[in-house]
C-alpha atoms as a PDB file:
ATOM      1  CA  MET A   1     199.117   1.700 330.134  1.00  0.00           C
ATOM      2  CA  LYS A   2     202.103   3.638 331.265  1.00  0.00           C
ATOM      3  CA  THR A   3     200.692   6.728 332.957  1.00  0.00           C
ATOM      4  CA  GLY A   4     198.119   6.844 335.708  1.00  0.00           C
ATOM      5  CA  LYS A   5     197.636   6.508 339.435  1.00  0.00           C
ATOM      6  CA  LEU A   6     196.971   3.694 341.876  1.00  0.00           C
ATOM      7  CA  ILE A   7     194.017   4.728 344.006  1.00  0.00           C
ATOM      8  CA  TRP A   8     191.854   3.107 346.668  1.00  0.00           C
ATOM      9  CA  ILE A   9     188.163   2.771 345.870  1.00  0.00           C
ATOM     10  CA  GLU A  10     186.146   3.038 349.093  1.00  0.00           C
ATOM     11  CA  CYS A  11     182.527   2.375 349.966  1.00  0.00           C
ATOM     12  CA  LEU A  12     180.566   5.160 351.639  1.00  0.00           C
ATOM     13  CA  CYS A  13     180.837   3.217 354.903  1.00  0.00           C
ATOM     14  CA  GLY A  14     184.643   3.672 354.725  1.00  0.00           C
ATOM     15  CA  TYR A  15     185.619   0.101 353.776  1.00  0.00           C
ATOM     16  CA  GLN A  16     188.471  -0.059 351.257  1.00  0.00           C
ATOM     17  CA  LEU A  17     187.113  -2.222 348.450  1.00  0.00           C
ATOM     18  CA  PHE A  18     189.998  -2.469 346.000  1.00  0.00           C
ATOM     19  CA  ARG A  19     193.038  -0.693 344.643  1.00  0.00           C
ATOM     20  CA  TYR A  20     192.670   0.414 341.047  1.00  0.00           C
ATOM     21  CA  PHE A  21     195.024   1.748 338.379  1.00  0.00           C
ATOM     22  CA  LYS A  22     193.241   4.866 337.104  1.00  0.00           C
ATOM     23  CA  ALA A  23     194.387   6.142 333.715  1.00  0.00           C
ATOM     24  CA  GLY A  24     193.262   9.547 332.582  1.00  0.00           C
ATOM     25  CA  LYS A  25     191.254  12.245 334.281  1.00  0.00           C
ATOM     26  CA  GLY A  26     187.711  12.481 335.550  1.00  0.00           C
ATOM     27  CA  ARG A  27     185.300  10.470 337.651  1.00  0.00           C
ATOM     28  CA  ILE A  28     185.441   6.727 338.012  1.00  0.00           C
ATOM     29  CA  ILE A  29     182.461   5.230 336.227  1.00  0.00           C
ATOM     30  CA  LYS A  30     183.777   1.741 335.481  1.00  0.00           C
ATOM     31  CA  CYS A  31     186.684  -0.306 336.797  1.00  0.00           C
ATOM     32  CA  PHE A  32     188.303  -2.856 334.513  1.00  0.00           C
ATOM     33  CA  ILE A  33     189.004  -6.069 336.434  1.00  0.00           C
ATOM     34  CA  GLY A  34     192.450  -6.425 334.802  1.00  0.00           C
ATOM     35  CA  ARG A  35     193.608  -3.139 336.370  1.00  0.00           C
ATOM     36  CA  LEU A  36     192.938  -4.162 339.983  1.00  0.00           C
ATOM     37  CA  SER A  37     196.086  -4.509 342.040  1.00  0.00           C
ATOM     38  CA  GLU A  38     194.455  -5.464 345.344  1.00  0.00           C
ATOM     39  CA  ASP A  39     190.934  -6.895 345.495  1.00  0.00           C
ATOM     40  CA  ARG A  40     189.147  -7.177 348.848  1.00  0.00           C
ATOM     41  CA  VAL A  41     185.732  -7.874 347.319  1.00  0.00           C
ATOM     42  CA  GLY A  42     186.570 -10.834 345.079  1.00  0.00           C
ATOM     43  CA  LEU A  43     185.737  -9.292 341.704  1.00  0.00           C
ATOM     44  CA  ALA A  44     188.204 -11.408 339.717  1.00  0.00           C
ATOM     45  CA  GLY A  45     186.527 -14.516 338.349  1.00  0.00           C
ATOM     46  CA  ARG A  46     182.965 -13.362 338.968  1.00  0.00           C
ATOM     47  CA  ALA A  47     180.300 -14.091 336.378  1.00  0.00           C
ATOM     48  CA  THR A  48     179.035 -11.445 333.971  1.00  0.00           C
ATOM     49  CA  HIS A  49     175.903  -9.642 335.228  1.00  0.00           C
ATOM     50  CA  SER A  50     176.653 -10.511 338.859  1.00  0.00           C
ATOM     51  CA  LYS A  51     176.185  -7.711 341.390  1.00  0.00           C
ATOM     52  CA  PRO A  52     178.953  -7.647 344.013  1.00  0.00           C
ATOM     53  CA  ARG A  53     178.264  -6.153 347.441  1.00  0.00           C
ATOM     54  CA  CYS A  54     180.373  -4.375 350.031  1.00  0.00           C
ATOM     55  CA  PRO A  55     181.577  -6.962 352.581  1.00  0.00           C
ATOM     56  CA  ASN A  56     181.131  -4.446 355.407  1.00  0.00           C
ATOM     57  CA  CYS A  57     177.693  -2.847 354.873  1.00  0.00           C
ATOM     58  CA  GLY A  58     176.166  -5.009 352.117  1.00  0.00           C
ATOM     59  CA  LYS A  59     175.447  -2.215 349.618  1.00  0.00           C
ATOM     60  CA  GLU A  60     175.414  -3.194 345.957  1.00  0.00           C
ATOM     61  CA  LEU A  61     178.542  -1.810 344.252  1.00  0.00           C
ATOM     62  CA  GLY A  62     177.461  -2.168 340.631  1.00  0.00           C
ATOM     63  CA  ILE A  63     177.263  -4.821 337.943  1.00  0.00           C
ATOM     64  CA  ILE A  64     179.955  -6.859 336.163  1.00  0.00           C
ATOM     65  CA  MET A  65     179.761  -6.249 332.403  1.00  0.00           C
ATOM     66  CA  ILE A  66     181.872  -6.786 329.317  1.00  0.00           C
ATOM     67  CA  ILE A  67     183.037  -3.329 328.166  1.00  0.00           C
ATOM     68  CA  ARG A  68     185.291  -3.054 325.107  1.00  0.00           C
ATOM     69  CA  GLY A  69     185.909  -6.806 325.271  1.00  0.00           C
ATOM     70  CA  GLU A  70     187.104  -6.809 328.910  1.00  0.00           C
ATOM     71  CA  PRO A  71     185.236  -7.575 332.133  1.00  0.00           C
ATOM     72  CA  ALA A  72     184.582  -4.423 334.133  1.00  0.00           C
ATOM     73  CA  LEU A  73     182.586  -3.306 337.160  1.00  0.00           C
ATOM     74  CA  LYS A  74     180.088  -0.596 336.176  1.00  0.00           C
ATOM     75  CA  LEU A  75     179.817   1.301 339.452  1.00  0.00           C
ATOM     76  CA  ASN A  76     176.736   2.551 341.248  1.00  0.00           C
ATOM     77  CA  GLN A  77     177.786   6.135 341.919  1.00  0.00           C
ATOM     78  CA  GLY A  78     175.812   6.325 345.166  1.00  0.00           C
ATOM     79  CA  THR A  79     177.795   3.561 346.868  1.00  0.00           C
ATOM     80  CA  ILE A  80     181.398   4.724 346.526  1.00  0.00           C
ATOM     81  CA  LYS A  81     183.150   7.825 347.784  1.00  0.00           C
ATOM     82  CA  ASN A  82     183.649  10.498 345.146  1.00  0.00           C
ATOM     83  CA  ILE A  83     187.189  10.300 343.782  1.00  0.00           C
ATOM     84  CA  ILE A  84     188.077  12.800 341.089  1.00  0.00           C
ATOM     85  CA  VAL A  85     191.500  12.341 339.533  1.00  0.00           C
END
């Protein structure tokens, strides 16, 4: 991927969860683990179908799934701040 933006994904409580390389336009629905540049949650190396939580407030962020052959975090839209790129 050559074009895109590095953005911070934040929990609703304000904790910065990770920095993500967003390619394309629109809402963030899933985050591919390989595109994380800074991970404060520890998503890399987690098992498939695990449900990571925010280290600050404990809300469930989503579920780790295999999407298009890559591990990705399918986000719960009610736990992260709305970021529209």
